[in-house]
N, C-alpha and C. Protein backbone atom coordinates (compact mmCIF):
# COMPACT_ATOMS: atom_id res chain seq x y z
N UNK A 1 -33.26 35.45 124.03
CA UNK A 1 -33.09 34.47 122.98
C UNK A 1 -32.67 35.19 121.71
N UNK A 2 -31.69 34.63 120.99
CA UNK A 2 -31.20 35.25 119.77
C UNK A 2 -32.22 35.07 118.64
N UNK A 3 -32.34 36.12 117.84
CA UNK A 3 -33.28 36.07 116.73
C UNK A 3 -32.59 35.39 115.54
N UNK A 4 -33.30 34.50 114.86
CA UNK A 4 -32.70 33.78 113.74
C UNK A 4 -32.64 34.68 112.52
N UNK A 5 -31.72 34.35 111.62
CA UNK A 5 -31.56 35.09 110.37
C UNK A 5 -32.75 34.79 109.46
N UNK A 6 -33.20 35.76 108.68
CA UNK A 6 -34.30 35.50 107.75
C UNK A 6 -33.82 34.60 106.61
N UNK A 7 -34.74 33.79 106.09
CA UNK A 7 -34.38 32.93 104.96
C UNK A 7 -34.18 33.79 103.73
N UNK A 8 -33.48 33.26 102.73
CA UNK A 8 -33.23 34.01 101.50
C UNK A 8 -34.54 34.35 100.81
N UNK A 9 -35.49 33.41 100.82
CA UNK A 9 -36.78 33.68 100.18
C UNK A 9 -37.49 34.82 100.89
N UNK A 10 -37.53 34.78 102.20
CA UNK A 10 -38.23 35.81 102.96
C UNK A 10 -37.49 37.15 102.83
N UNK A 11 -36.18 37.13 102.74
CA UNK A 11 -35.39 38.35 102.68
C UNK A 11 -35.56 39.06 101.34
N UNK A 12 -35.57 38.32 100.24
CA UNK A 12 -35.60 38.94 98.92
C UNK A 12 -36.99 39.06 98.33
N UNK A 13 -37.96 38.36 98.83
CA UNK A 13 -39.30 38.40 98.24
C UNK A 13 -40.26 39.08 99.20
N UNK A 14 -40.91 40.15 98.77
CA UNK A 14 -41.86 40.80 99.67
C UNK A 14 -43.06 39.91 99.98
N UNK A 15 -43.43 39.03 99.08
CA UNK A 15 -44.54 38.10 99.31
C UNK A 15 -44.01 36.68 99.10
N UNK A 16 -43.30 36.17 100.09
CA UNK A 16 -42.63 34.87 99.95
C UNK A 16 -43.57 33.72 99.62
N UNK A 17 -44.75 33.61 100.24
CA UNK A 17 -45.64 32.50 99.86
C UNK A 17 -46.06 32.57 98.40
N UNK A 18 -46.32 33.77 97.90
CA UNK A 18 -46.70 33.91 96.49
C UNK A 18 -45.53 33.51 95.59
N UNK A 19 -44.32 33.88 95.96
CA UNK A 19 -43.14 33.50 95.19
C UNK A 19 -43.00 31.99 95.14
N UNK A 20 -43.18 31.33 96.27
CA UNK A 20 -43.06 29.87 96.32
C UNK A 20 -44.13 29.21 95.45
N UNK A 21 -45.36 29.71 95.49
CA UNK A 21 -46.43 29.14 94.65
C UNK A 21 -46.15 29.35 93.17
N UNK A 22 -45.66 30.54 92.82
CA UNK A 22 -45.35 30.84 91.43
C UNK A 22 -44.23 29.95 90.93
N UNK A 23 -43.18 29.81 91.72
CA UNK A 23 -42.07 28.96 91.33
C UNK A 23 -42.53 27.52 91.18
N UNK A 24 -43.30 27.03 92.11
CA UNK A 24 -43.79 25.65 92.03
C UNK A 24 -44.65 25.47 90.79
N UNK A 25 -45.49 26.43 90.48
CA UNK A 25 -46.33 26.35 89.29
C UNK A 25 -45.52 26.29 88.00
N UNK A 26 -44.47 27.09 87.92
CA UNK A 26 -43.62 27.07 86.73
C UNK A 26 -42.86 25.75 86.62
N UNK A 27 -42.39 25.23 87.75
CA UNK A 27 -41.70 23.94 87.73
C UNK A 27 -42.64 22.83 87.29
N UNK A 28 -43.87 22.86 87.80
CA UNK A 28 -44.86 21.84 87.42
C UNK A 28 -45.19 21.93 85.93
N UNK A 29 -45.31 23.13 85.40
CA UNK A 29 -45.61 23.29 83.97
C UNK A 29 -44.47 22.73 83.12
N UNK A 30 -43.24 23.01 83.52
CA UNK A 30 -42.08 22.50 82.78
C UNK A 30 -42.03 20.97 82.88
N UNK A 31 -42.30 20.43 84.06
CA UNK A 31 -42.33 18.97 84.23
C UNK A 31 -43.40 18.36 83.33
N UNK A 32 -44.58 18.96 83.31
CA UNK A 32 -45.66 18.43 82.48
C UNK A 32 -45.30 18.46 81.00
N UNK A 33 -44.61 19.51 80.56
CA UNK A 33 -44.16 19.57 79.17
C UNK A 33 -43.21 18.42 78.85
N UNK A 34 -42.26 18.18 79.75
CA UNK A 34 -41.30 17.09 79.53
C UNK A 34 -41.99 15.73 79.57
N UNK A 35 -42.94 15.56 80.48
CA UNK A 35 -43.67 14.29 80.54
C UNK A 35 -44.41 14.06 79.22
N UNK A 36 -45.02 15.10 78.69
CA UNK A 36 -45.70 14.99 77.41
C UNK A 36 -44.75 14.64 76.28
N UNK A 37 -43.56 15.24 76.30
CA UNK A 37 -42.57 14.94 75.27
C UNK A 37 -42.13 13.48 75.34
N UNK A 38 -41.89 12.99 76.55
CA UNK A 38 -41.48 11.59 76.70
C UNK A 38 -42.61 10.66 76.29
N UNK A 39 -43.84 11.00 76.66
CA UNK A 39 -44.99 10.16 76.31
C UNK A 39 -45.22 10.12 74.80
N UNK A 40 -44.92 11.23 74.12
CA UNK A 40 -45.09 11.29 72.67
C UNK A 40 -43.93 10.63 71.93
N UNK A 41 -42.88 10.24 72.65
CA UNK A 41 -41.74 9.58 72.03
C UNK A 41 -40.88 10.51 71.20
N UNK A 42 -40.74 11.75 71.63
CA UNK A 42 -39.98 12.71 70.81
C UNK A 42 -38.48 12.62 71.05
N UNK A 43 -38.03 11.77 71.94
CA UNK A 43 -36.59 11.61 72.15
C UNK A 43 -35.92 11.06 70.92
N UNK A 44 -34.79 11.65 70.55
CA UNK A 44 -34.12 11.23 69.33
C UNK A 44 -33.32 9.94 69.50
N UNK A 45 -32.87 9.69 70.71
CA UNK A 45 -32.11 8.47 70.98
C UNK A 45 -32.19 8.16 72.47
N UNK A 46 -31.53 7.09 72.88
CA UNK A 46 -31.57 6.66 74.27
C UNK A 46 -31.01 7.72 75.21
N UNK A 47 -29.93 8.38 74.82
CA UNK A 47 -29.33 9.41 75.67
C UNK A 47 -30.29 10.58 75.88
N UNK A 48 -30.99 10.98 74.83
CA UNK A 48 -31.95 12.08 74.95
C UNK A 48 -33.10 11.69 75.86
N UNK A 49 -33.59 10.46 75.71
CA UNK A 49 -34.66 9.95 76.58
C UNK A 49 -34.21 9.97 78.04
N UNK A 50 -33.02 9.45 78.31
CA UNK A 50 -32.50 9.44 79.69
C UNK A 50 -32.36 10.84 80.23
N UNK A 51 -31.89 11.77 79.40
CA UNK A 51 -31.75 13.16 79.83
C UNK A 51 -33.10 13.74 80.25
N UNK A 52 -34.13 13.51 79.41
CA UNK A 52 -35.46 14.05 79.71
C UNK A 52 -36.02 13.42 80.99
N UNK A 53 -35.85 12.13 81.15
CA UNK A 53 -36.34 11.45 82.36
C UNK A 53 -35.58 11.97 83.58
N UNK A 54 -34.30 12.21 83.45
CA UNK A 54 -33.53 12.79 84.56
C UNK A 54 -33.99 14.19 84.91
N UNK A 55 -34.31 14.98 83.89
CA UNK A 55 -34.84 16.33 84.13
C UNK A 55 -36.17 16.25 84.87
N UNK A 56 -37.01 15.31 84.48
CA UNK A 56 -38.30 15.13 85.16
C UNK A 56 -38.08 14.78 86.63
N UNK A 57 -37.14 13.87 86.88
CA UNK A 57 -36.85 13.49 88.28
C UNK A 57 -36.35 14.69 89.07
N UNK A 58 -35.50 15.49 88.48
CA UNK A 58 -35.01 16.68 89.16
C UNK A 58 -36.11 17.69 89.44
N UNK A 59 -37.01 17.85 88.49
CA UNK A 59 -38.13 18.78 88.69
C UNK A 59 -39.08 18.27 89.77
N UNK A 60 -39.31 16.97 89.82
CA UNK A 60 -40.15 16.40 90.88
C UNK A 60 -39.53 16.71 92.24
N UNK A 61 -38.22 16.54 92.34
CA UNK A 61 -37.53 16.85 93.60
C UNK A 61 -37.69 18.34 93.96
N UNK A 62 -37.51 19.21 92.96
CA UNK A 62 -37.62 20.65 93.21
C UNK A 62 -39.04 21.03 93.63
N UNK A 63 -40.03 20.41 93.02
CA UNK A 63 -41.43 20.69 93.37
C UNK A 63 -41.70 20.26 94.81
N UNK A 64 -41.17 19.11 95.20
CA UNK A 64 -41.33 18.66 96.59
C UNK A 64 -40.66 19.64 97.55
N UNK A 65 -39.49 20.14 97.19
CA UNK A 65 -38.80 21.13 98.03
C UNK A 65 -39.61 22.42 98.15
N UNK A 66 -40.27 22.83 97.08
CA UNK A 66 -41.14 24.02 97.14
C UNK A 66 -42.27 23.79 98.13
N UNK A 67 -42.83 22.59 98.12
CA UNK A 67 -43.89 22.26 99.07
C UNK A 67 -43.40 22.34 100.50
N UNK A 68 -42.20 21.87 100.74
CA UNK A 68 -41.61 21.95 102.08
C UNK A 68 -41.40 23.40 102.49
N UNK A 69 -40.90 24.21 101.54
CA UNK A 69 -40.68 25.63 101.84
C UNK A 69 -41.99 26.36 102.10
N UNK A 70 -43.02 26.05 101.32
CA UNK A 70 -44.33 26.68 101.55
C UNK A 70 -44.86 26.33 102.92
N UNK A 71 -44.71 25.07 103.32
CA UNK A 71 -45.18 24.66 104.64
C UNK A 71 -44.42 25.39 105.74
N UNK A 72 -43.11 25.53 105.56
CA UNK A 72 -42.30 26.23 106.57
C UNK A 72 -42.71 27.69 106.66
N UNK A 73 -43.03 28.31 105.53
CA UNK A 73 -43.45 29.72 105.54
C UNK A 73 -44.81 29.87 106.23
N UNK A 74 -45.70 28.91 106.02
CA UNK A 74 -47.02 28.98 106.67
C UNK A 74 -46.90 28.79 108.18
N UNK A 75 -45.93 27.97 108.59
CA UNK A 75 -45.78 27.67 110.02
C UNK A 75 -45.13 28.80 110.79
N UNK A 76 -44.47 29.72 110.07
CA UNK A 76 -43.80 30.85 110.77
C UNK A 76 -44.77 31.82 111.34
């Protein structure tokens, strides 16, 4: 049976699970900052508000992807 290629995370990170947790933590912190900004009403106009909400949505997606990657690393 042919051996599969290592993932980029596993190839470049000596401790891939720790890297995934660290990345997820930083993404969550950034998301929480943006959520706080939106909740405080610091957006200067509608476009700025939409931009911040879009960034939050993107960060939520990235955090979910980190969870999927962590699960895949644990299952290996």
